[in-house]
């Protein structure tokens, strides 16, 4: 069944992807408000607002919210990205009205009690501390900072200890009023949902939202930098990335398949050459991240500091070699992995709700699965060889490293030396 779409009078969009065979459903609100919409003093406020939404409203205490959803066997959760914040519930189909009522309540009537703010501030500061203690996650925050220095896209979604310590109820209410407007919000449902019912619930529960269009996010531009943090660890965690492509770029699907060929699984080039043949690391993979107007295509490896000096030339060599010798067999495997992922997501109402909401927010429409698969199938080896050349000739790479920076063979080279290794 095709995705049904209705735009309410206030500008909010309601999407449904019915799965009639399911007795359960997912309903959620996706908001055009993430870390990229924050000013520097606001860094982390989208994430803190996500946390505070569950801490009590004018009608419900934090305990009431937890008990109401769990009494019917449901789950209520949320997450924040650089470009959006999502609040979603997984429930039995007949409990969809309760889920929508809870979502409407926490997004419009939160009280931001000072005591709750202080408690949740401690939770978030612990979350930041945990991230700082997890080098294979931290290196990606540092990579974004190196690639987009001084920009909202380069700042951590969680914020910093300094910024989070400043937030109070007034700051949260101000940001909520600035960003949570109906035209930038999508109510998405998947599973055992009825479109007409979800539209009626949205018209009733979200009618009071502002009908104005909220401001946009800060533009981003790639400026390849170098961020190295010396730590006394067993491994050096290394992330290297080139300027990738935005969502709307003609090479979007090419970039996804390219990342799959290079480091998308155990049969990928990097896994086979760096781990299996040479034993230089335990974990190595590639990634293709897209944003509204830019992107990153990069590689991660966690290795002994004594192996980094050998690992980087091999990584660069495999990448430059891709311009000449990517094969159709490699491409077919990567395409199959992507297609399988798309089709497996169809079996989960949560994944389908997330997918249709994000597709609509990015493209203003929801492409069918057949269309997505056709786009993936159209990628061939010639396209990947062309993309590899585009990637390497476009810019020098950004680099981030966390861990020991020395080692046998000199350890991690300078960024200029590393960039030269990737030069076609």
Protein backbone atom coordinates (compact mmCIF):
# COMPACT_ATOMS: atom_id res chain seq x y z
CA UNK A 1 0.00 0.00 0.00
CA UNK A 2 1.28 3.48 -0.88
CA UNK A 3 2.15 6.01 1.79
CA UNK A 4 -0.75 8.37 2.45
CA UNK A 5 0.01 12.06 2.99
CA UNK A 6 -2.14 14.88 4.36
CA UNK A 7 -1.06 18.42 5.18
CA UNK A 8 -3.18 20.02 7.88
CA UNK A 9 -4.38 23.62 7.78
CA UNK A 10 -1.65 24.63 10.23
CA UNK A 11 1.08 23.16 8.00
CA UNK A 12 1.81 19.93 9.90
CA UNK A 13 2.09 16.86 7.68
CA UNK A 14 0.60 13.47 8.55
CA UNK A 15 2.08 10.37 6.90
CA UNK A 16 0.97 6.77 7.21
CA UNK A 17 2.40 3.53 5.89
CA UNK A 18 -0.22 0.93 6.71
CA UNK A 19 0.82 -2.66 7.44
CA UNK A 20 -2.63 -4.26 7.91
CA UNK A 21 -1.26 -7.62 9.01
CA UNK A 22 0.27 -6.06 12.15
CA UNK A 23 -1.49 -5.70 15.48
CA UNK A 24 1.05 -3.11 16.60
CA UNK A 25 1.91 0.38 15.37
CA UNK A 26 4.52 3.10 15.62
CA UNK A 27 3.49 6.75 15.83
CA UNK A 28 5.96 9.57 16.13
CA UNK A 29 6.65 13.24 15.66
CA UNK A 30 9.70 14.30 13.66
CA UNK A 31 10.69 17.95 14.11
CA UNK A 32 12.88 20.06 11.85
CA UNK A 33 15.06 21.01 14.82
CA UNK A 34 18.44 19.50 15.56
CA UNK A 35 21.98 20.46 16.47
CA UNK A 36 22.43 22.38 13.20
CA UNK A 37 19.59 24.74 14.15
CA UNK A 38 21.33 25.83 17.35
CA UNK A 39 23.44 28.92 17.89
CA UNK A 40 26.78 28.39 19.64
CA UNK A 41 25.36 29.23 23.11
CA UNK A 42 22.49 26.81 22.41
CA UNK A 43 24.74 23.87 21.53
CA UNK A 44 23.06 20.77 22.96
CA UNK A 45 19.68 22.33 23.69
CA UNK A 46 17.82 20.20 21.11
CA UNK A 47 19.05 17.11 22.90
CA UNK A 48 18.24 18.49 26.35
CA UNK A 49 14.74 19.44 25.20
CA UNK A 50 14.30 15.85 23.99
CA UNK A 51 15.19 14.63 27.49
CA UNK A 52 12.98 17.15 29.28
CA UNK A 53 9.92 16.29 27.21
CA UNK A 54 9.41 13.19 29.37
CA UNK A 55 9.80 14.97 32.71
CA UNK A 56 6.29 16.22 33.28
CA UNK A 57 3.54 18.34 31.72
CA UNK A 58 0.66 20.40 33.00
CA UNK A 59 -1.47 17.22 32.95
CA UNK A 60 1.02 14.46 33.73
CA UNK A 61 3.99 13.92 36.01
CA UNK A 62 7.06 12.09 34.71
CA UNK A 63 5.77 8.98 36.47
CA UNK A 64 2.33 9.39 34.87
CA UNK A 65 3.90 9.49 31.42
CA UNK A 66 5.90 6.32 32.07
CA UNK A 67 2.99 4.47 33.66
CA UNK A 68 0.41 5.37 30.99
CA UNK A 69 2.51 4.09 28.10
CA UNK A 70 3.73 1.00 29.95
CA UNK A 71 0.28 0.09 31.27
CA UNK A 72 -0.70 -0.69 27.68
CA UNK A 73 2.62 -2.44 26.99
CA UNK A 74 3.98 0.41 24.88
CA UNK A 75 7.38 2.09 24.62
CA UNK A 76 8.05 5.84 24.35
CA UNK A 77 11.43 7.10 23.21
CA UNK A 78 13.21 9.92 21.38
CA UNK A 79 16.44 10.76 19.61
CA UNK A 80 18.24 13.84 18.29
CA UNK A 81 20.36 14.19 15.15
CA UNK A 82 22.11 17.14 13.56
CA UNK A 83 19.06 17.96 11.46
CA UNK A 84 16.01 16.65 13.34
CA UNK A 85 14.57 15.49 16.66
CA UNK A 86 12.13 12.57 16.86
CA UNK A 87 9.69 11.46 19.54
CA UNK A 88 8.08 8.08 18.90
CA UNK A 89 5.87 5.46 20.53
CA UNK A 90 5.47 1.75 19.80
CA UNK A 91 2.04 0.53 20.87
CA UNK A 92 -0.76 -1.91 20.16
CA UNK A 93 -2.82 -0.54 17.25
CA UNK A 94 -5.85 0.24 19.42
CA UNK A 95 -3.66 2.43 21.67
CA UNK A 96 -2.67 4.84 18.89
CA UNK A 97 -4.92 7.62 20.30
CA UNK A 98 -3.11 7.37 23.65
CA UNK A 99 0.28 7.55 21.93
CA UNK A 100 -0.67 10.65 19.94
CA UNK A 101 -2.15 12.29 23.05
CA UNK A 102 1.07 11.65 24.98
CA UNK A 103 3.21 13.00 22.15
CA UNK A 104 1.06 16.12 21.84
CA UNK A 105 1.17 16.68 25.59
CA UNK A 106 4.93 16.38 26.05
CA UNK A 107 5.66 18.62 23.04
CA UNK A 108 3.21 21.39 23.93
CA UNK A 109 2.67 21.34 27.69
CA UNK A 110 5.99 20.47 29.33
CA UNK A 111 6.48 22.39 32.58
CA UNK A 112 10.29 22.27 32.73
CA UNK A 113 10.27 22.02 36.49
CA UNK A 114 13.59 23.40 37.88
CA UNK A 115 14.22 20.31 39.99
CA UNK A 116 13.65 18.03 37.01
CA UNK A 117 15.99 20.20 34.92
CA UNK A 118 18.75 19.81 37.51
CA UNK A 119 18.28 16.05 37.69
CA UNK A 120 18.27 15.65 33.92
CA UNK A 121 21.23 17.99 33.56
CA UNK A 122 23.19 15.51 35.67
CA UNK A 123 22.05 12.66 33.43
CA UNK A 124 23.17 14.52 30.30
CA UNK A 125 26.52 15.46 31.82
CA UNK A 126 27.02 11.77 32.59
CA UNK A 127 26.11 10.99 28.96
CA UNK A 128 28.71 13.51 27.78
CA UNK A 129 31.26 11.94 30.12
CA UNK A 130 30.46 8.51 28.74
CA UNK A 131 30.97 9.78 25.19
CA UNK A 132 34.34 11.25 26.18
CA UNK A 133 35.28 7.85 27.60
CA UNK A 134 34.33 6.02 24.38
CA UNK A 135 37.11 6.77 21.89
CA UNK A 136 35.57 4.94 18.93
CA UNK A 137 32.55 7.29 19.26
CA UNK A 138 34.50 10.40 20.27
CA UNK A 139 36.68 10.23 17.15
CA UNK A 140 33.60 10.89 14.99
CA UNK A 141 32.67 14.01 16.97
CA UNK A 142 36.24 15.17 16.44
CA UNK A 143 36.04 14.31 12.74
CA UNK A 144 32.97 16.52 12.29
CA UNK A 145 34.76 19.32 14.14
CA UNK A 146 37.79 18.89 11.87
CA UNK A 147 35.65 18.85 8.71
CA UNK A 148 33.32 21.72 9.70
CA UNK A 149 35.32 23.89 12.12
CA UNK A 150 33.45 26.68 13.88
CA UNK A 151 30.14 25.55 12.35
CA UNK A 152 26.98 24.09 13.87
CA UNK A 153 27.50 20.82 11.95
CA UNK A 154 30.90 20.49 13.59
CA UNK A 155 29.55 20.75 17.14
CA UNK A 156 28.50 17.72 19.23
CA UNK A 157 24.80 16.86 19.38
CA UNK A 158 25.05 16.39 23.16
CA UNK A 159 26.53 19.85 23.64
CA UNK A 160 29.36 20.50 26.07
CA UNK A 161 29.56 20.56 29.86
CA UNK A 162 29.72 24.36 29.67
CA UNK A 163 26.68 24.79 27.42
CA UNK A 164 24.51 22.19 29.16
CA UNK A 165 25.23 23.76 32.54
CA UNK A 166 23.73 27.07 31.33
CA UNK A 167 20.33 25.80 30.15
CA UNK A 168 17.30 26.62 32.27
CA UNK A 169 13.53 26.54 31.81
CA UNK A 170 13.47 29.92 30.08
CA UNK A 171 16.06 28.80 27.51
CA UNK A 172 14.12 25.59 26.80
CA UNK A 173 10.81 27.44 26.40
CA UNK A 174 12.44 29.98 24.08
CA UNK A 175 13.94 27.30 21.86
CA UNK A 176 10.67 25.36 21.82
CA UNK A 177 8.80 28.49 20.71
CA UNK A 178 11.43 29.25 18.06
CA UNK A 179 11.66 25.81 16.48
CA UNK A 180 8.58 23.67 17.16
CA UNK A 181 6.22 25.07 14.49
CA UNK A 182 3.63 23.00 12.64
CA UNK A 183 5.11 23.45 9.11
CA UNK A 184 8.35 21.86 10.32
CA UNK A 185 6.73 18.88 12.03
CA UNK A 186 5.66 15.50 10.67
CA UNK A 187 3.41 12.99 12.40
CA UNK A 188 4.27 9.60 10.94
CA UNK A 189 2.54 6.31 11.62
CA UNK A 190 3.30 2.81 10.40
CA UNK A 191 1.95 -0.65 11.11
CA UNK A 192 -1.64 -1.15 12.17
CA UNK A 193 -2.66 2.47 11.65
CA UNK A 194 -5.53 4.12 9.79
CA UNK A 195 -4.68 7.34 7.98
CA UNK A 196 -8.03 9.03 8.60
CA UNK A 197 -7.79 8.31 12.33
CA UNK A 198 -4.25 9.71 12.57
CA UNK A 199 -5.27 12.85 10.66
CA UNK A 200 -8.25 13.40 12.99
CA UNK A 201 -6.04 12.93 16.05
CA UNK A 202 -3.46 15.38 14.70
CA UNK A 203 -6.11 18.02 13.92
CA UNK A 204 -7.45 17.71 17.46
CA UNK A 205 -4.19 17.51 19.43
CA UNK A 206 -1.85 19.77 17.45
CA UNK A 207 -4.17 22.51 16.28
CA UNK A 208 -2.64 25.12 18.63
CA UNK A 209 0.85 24.90 17.15
CA UNK A 210 2.32 27.98 15.49
CA UNK A 211 1.56 28.12 11.76
CA UNK A 212 4.65 30.19 11.00
CA UNK A 213 7.65 28.66 9.29
CA UNK A 214 10.66 28.46 11.60
CA UNK A 215 14.04 29.76 10.49
CA UNK A 216 16.50 27.56 8.65
CA UNK A 217 19.74 26.02 9.82
CA UNK A 218 23.25 27.39 9.54
CA UNK A 219 24.83 26.53 6.16
CA UNK A 220 27.81 24.20 6.28
CA UNK A 221 30.94 24.10 4.16
CA UNK A 222 33.71 21.50 4.24
CA UNK A 223 37.08 22.80 5.47
CA UNK A 224 39.41 19.84 5.91
CA UNK A 225 41.22 20.06 9.21
CA UNK A 226 43.15 17.85 11.59
CA UNK A 227 42.06 17.03 15.17
CA UNK A 228 44.33 14.73 17.19
CA UNK A 229 43.84 13.87 20.84
CA UNK A 230 46.64 11.99 22.56
CA UNK A 231 45.24 9.39 24.98
CA UNK A 232 46.87 6.55 26.88
CA UNK A 233 44.89 3.78 25.17
CA UNK A 234 45.62 0.38 23.71
CA UNK A 235 44.50 1.51 20.24
CA UNK A 236 44.70 4.54 18.01
CA UNK A 237 41.23 5.35 16.70
CA UNK A 238 41.50 7.00 13.30
CA UNK A 239 38.82 8.57 11.09
CA UNK A 240 39.59 10.11 7.69
CA UNK A 241 36.91 11.70 5.50
CA UNK A 242 36.57 13.54 2.22
CA UNK A 243 33.82 15.93 1.25
CA UNK A 244 30.89 13.73 0.32
CA UNK A 245 27.54 14.53 -1.26
CA UNK A 246 24.25 15.94 0.05
CA UNK A 247 20.96 14.05 -0.05
CA UNK A 248 19.88 15.55 -3.37
CA UNK A 249 23.14 14.97 -5.25
CA UNK A 250 22.93 12.70 -8.34
CA UNK A 251 25.72 10.64 -6.78
CA UNK A 252 23.91 10.01 -3.49
CA UNK A 253 23.28 6.33 -4.21
CA UNK A 254 26.67 5.99 -5.86
CA UNK A 255 28.28 7.17 -2.61
CA UNK A 256 26.34 4.60 -0.60
CA UNK A 257 27.40 1.76 -2.88
CA UNK A 258 31.00 3.04 -2.95
CA UNK A 259 31.12 2.95 0.87
CA UNK A 260 29.79 -0.59 0.73
CA UNK A 261 32.46 -1.74 -1.72
CA UNK A 262 35.26 -0.13 0.26
CA UNK A 263 34.29 -1.10 3.79
CA UNK A 264 30.71 -2.30 4.09
CA UNK A 265 31.24 -5.88 5.22
CA UNK A 266 33.65 -8.77 5.62
CA UNK A 267 34.04 -9.13 1.85
CA UNK A 268 34.85 -5.44 1.37
CA UNK A 269 38.21 -4.23 0.14
CA UNK A 270 39.36 -2.64 3.38
CA UNK A 271 38.29 -5.54 5.59
CA UNK A 272 39.98 -8.10 3.36
CA UNK A 273 43.21 -6.19 2.78
CA UNK A 274 43.73 -4.50 6.13
CA UNK A 275 42.30 -7.01 8.58
CA UNK A 276 42.26 -10.40 6.89
CA UNK A 277 45.46 -10.27 4.82
CA UNK A 278 47.62 -7.99 6.96
CA UNK A 279 46.09 -8.23 10.44
CA UNK A 280 46.61 -4.53 11.05
CA UNK A 281 43.40 -3.89 12.99
CA UNK A 282 40.31 -5.45 14.49
CA UNK A 283 37.77 -2.93 13.19
CA UNK A 284 37.79 -1.12 9.86
CA UNK A 285 34.88 0.24 7.83
CA UNK A 286 33.78 3.04 5.54
CA UNK A 287 30.78 5.36 5.78
CA UNK A 288 28.82 7.76 3.60
CA UNK A 289 27.01 10.49 5.53
CA UNK A 290 24.79 12.99 3.76
CA UNK A 291 23.31 16.22 5.06
CA UNK A 292 21.14 18.91 3.48
CA UNK A 293 23.90 20.57 1.45
CA UNK A 294 27.07 18.60 2.10
CA UNK A 295 28.33 15.22 3.22
CA UNK A 296 31.26 13.07 4.29
CA UNK A 297 32.69 9.93 2.73
CA UNK A 298 35.22 8.38 5.01
CA UNK A 299 36.96 5.52 6.73
CA UNK A 300 37.48 4.39 10.31
CA UNK A 301 40.06 2.03 11.75
CA UNK A 302 41.08 1.17 15.28
CA UNK A 303 44.62 -0.21 15.39
CA UNK A 304 47.66 -0.69 17.56
CA UNK A 305 49.79 2.49 17.47
CA UNK A 306 52.63 0.35 16.12
CA UNK A 307 50.52 -0.58 13.07
CA UNK A 308 49.18 2.87 12.17
CA UNK A 309 52.23 3.79 10.08
CA UNK A 310 51.57 0.77 7.84
CA UNK A 311 47.78 0.97 7.95
CA UNK A 312 47.36 4.48 6.52
CA UNK A 313 49.34 3.85 3.29
CA UNK A 314 47.36 0.65 2.70
CA UNK A 315 44.07 2.50 3.30
CA UNK A 316 45.10 5.24 0.88
CA UNK A 317 46.34 2.75 -1.69
CA UNK A 318 43.09 0.80 -1.69
CA UNK A 319 41.12 4.03 -2.09
CA UNK A 320 43.15 5.43 -4.99
CA UNK A 321 43.20 2.02 -6.67
CA UNK A 322 39.40 2.09 -6.68
CA UNK A 323 39.52 4.66 -9.49
CA UNK A 324 40.86 1.97 -11.80
CA UNK A 325 39.80 -1.50 -10.79
CA UNK A 326 36.47 -1.72 -9.01
CA UNK A 327 34.69 -4.74 -10.48
CA UNK A 328 31.06 -5.47 -11.23
CA UNK A 329 31.19 -8.39 -8.78
CA UNK A 330 32.14 -6.05 -5.93
CA UNK A 331 29.39 -3.64 -6.90
CA UNK A 332 26.81 -6.41 -7.04
CA UNK A 333 27.66 -7.49 -3.48
CA UNK A 334 27.39 -3.92 -2.17
CA UNK A 335 24.10 -3.36 -3.98
CA UNK A 336 22.72 -6.58 -2.51
CA UNK A 337 23.64 -5.46 1.02
CA UNK A 338 21.87 -2.11 0.57
CA UNK A 339 18.78 -3.69 -1.00
CA UNK A 340 18.56 -6.27 1.78
CA UNK A 341 18.77 -3.51 4.36
CA UNK A 342 15.95 -1.58 2.69
CA UNK A 343 13.72 -4.64 2.46
CA UNK A 344 14.45 -5.81 6.01
CA UNK A 345 13.41 -2.39 7.29
CA UNK A 346 10.01 -2.95 5.70
CA UNK A 347 9.34 -5.62 8.31
CA UNK A 348 9.53 -3.14 11.21
CA UNK A 349 6.89 -0.47 11.83
CA UNK A 350 9.45 1.66 13.69
CA UNK A 351 11.89 1.57 10.77
CA UNK A 352 9.13 2.36 8.29
CA UNK A 353 7.85 5.31 10.31
CA UNK A 354 11.40 6.66 10.60
CA UNK A 355 12.04 6.15 6.90
CA UNK A 356 8.92 7.88 5.60
CA UNK A 357 9.29 10.80 8.02
CA UNK A 358 12.93 11.44 7.10
CA UNK A 359 12.31 10.99 3.36
CA UNK A 360 9.50 13.51 3.49
CA UNK A 361 11.54 16.01 5.51
CA UNK A 362 14.46 15.71 3.11
CA UNK A 363 12.69 15.49 -0.25
CA UNK A 364 9.16 16.78 0.38
CA UNK A 365 7.84 13.41 -0.79
CA UNK A 366 8.21 9.72 0.05
CA UNK A 367 9.86 7.67 -2.71
CA UNK A 368 8.57 4.12 -2.98
CA UNK A 369 10.81 1.21 -2.11
CA UNK A 370 10.81 0.16 -5.76
CA UNK A 371 12.16 3.58 -6.71
CA UNK A 372 14.94 3.34 -4.12
CA UNK A 373 15.91 -0.13 -5.29
CA UNK A 374 15.94 1.03 -8.91
CA UNK A 375 18.33 3.85 -7.92
CA UNK A 376 20.65 1.36 -6.22
CA UNK A 377 20.45 -1.09 -9.13
CA UNK A 378 21.44 1.66 -11.57
CA UNK A 379 24.87 2.02 -9.91
CA UNK A 380 27.60 0.14 -11.78
CA UNK A 381 31.38 -0.16 -11.58
CA UNK A 382 31.95 2.70 -14.03
CA UNK A 383 29.91 5.02 -11.81
CA UNK A 384 31.96 4.02 -8.77
CA UNK A 385 35.26 4.53 -10.54
CA UNK A 386 34.09 7.98 -11.63
CA UNK A 387 32.91 8.77 -8.10
CA UNK A 388 36.25 7.70 -6.60
CA UNK A 389 38.03 10.15 -8.88
CA UNK A 390 35.54 12.91 -8.04
CA UNK A 391 36.05 12.23 -4.34
CA UNK A 392 39.83 12.29 -4.36
CA UNK A 393 40.21 15.26 -6.68
CA UNK A 394 37.61 17.38 -4.89
CA UNK A 395 39.47 18.16 -1.67
CA UNK A 396 42.05 17.08 0.85
CA UNK A 397 40.70 14.88 3.66
CA UNK A 398 39.75 15.85 7.18
CA UNK A 399 41.31 13.73 9.89
CA UNK A 400 40.68 12.88 13.53
CA UNK A 401 42.60 10.57 15.83
CA UNK A 402 42.16 9.58 19.47
CA UNK A 403 44.75 7.49 21.30
CA UNK A 404 48.54 7.08 21.12
CA UNK A 405 49.88 9.17 18.26
CA UNK A 406 53.38 7.68 18.14
CA UNK A 407 54.53 4.13 17.53
CA UNK A 408 56.87 2.01 15.44
CA UNK A 409 57.57 3.48 12.06
CA UNK A 410 56.82 6.99 13.30
CA UNK A 411 53.17 6.57 14.19
CA UNK A 412 50.56 8.79 12.58
CA UNK A 413 51.94 10.99 9.82
CA UNK A 414 51.11 14.67 9.35
CA UNK A 415 47.86 15.49 7.55
CA UNK A 416 49.83 16.80 4.55
CA UNK A 417 51.66 13.49 4.20
CA UNK A 418 48.42 11.56 4.58
CA UNK A 419 46.64 13.83 2.08
CA UNK A 420 49.46 13.26 -0.41
CA UNK A 421 48.95 9.50 -0.14
CA UNK A 422 45.35 9.95 -1.28
CA UNK A 423 46.28 12.18 -4.22
CA UNK A 424 45.38 10.49 -7.52
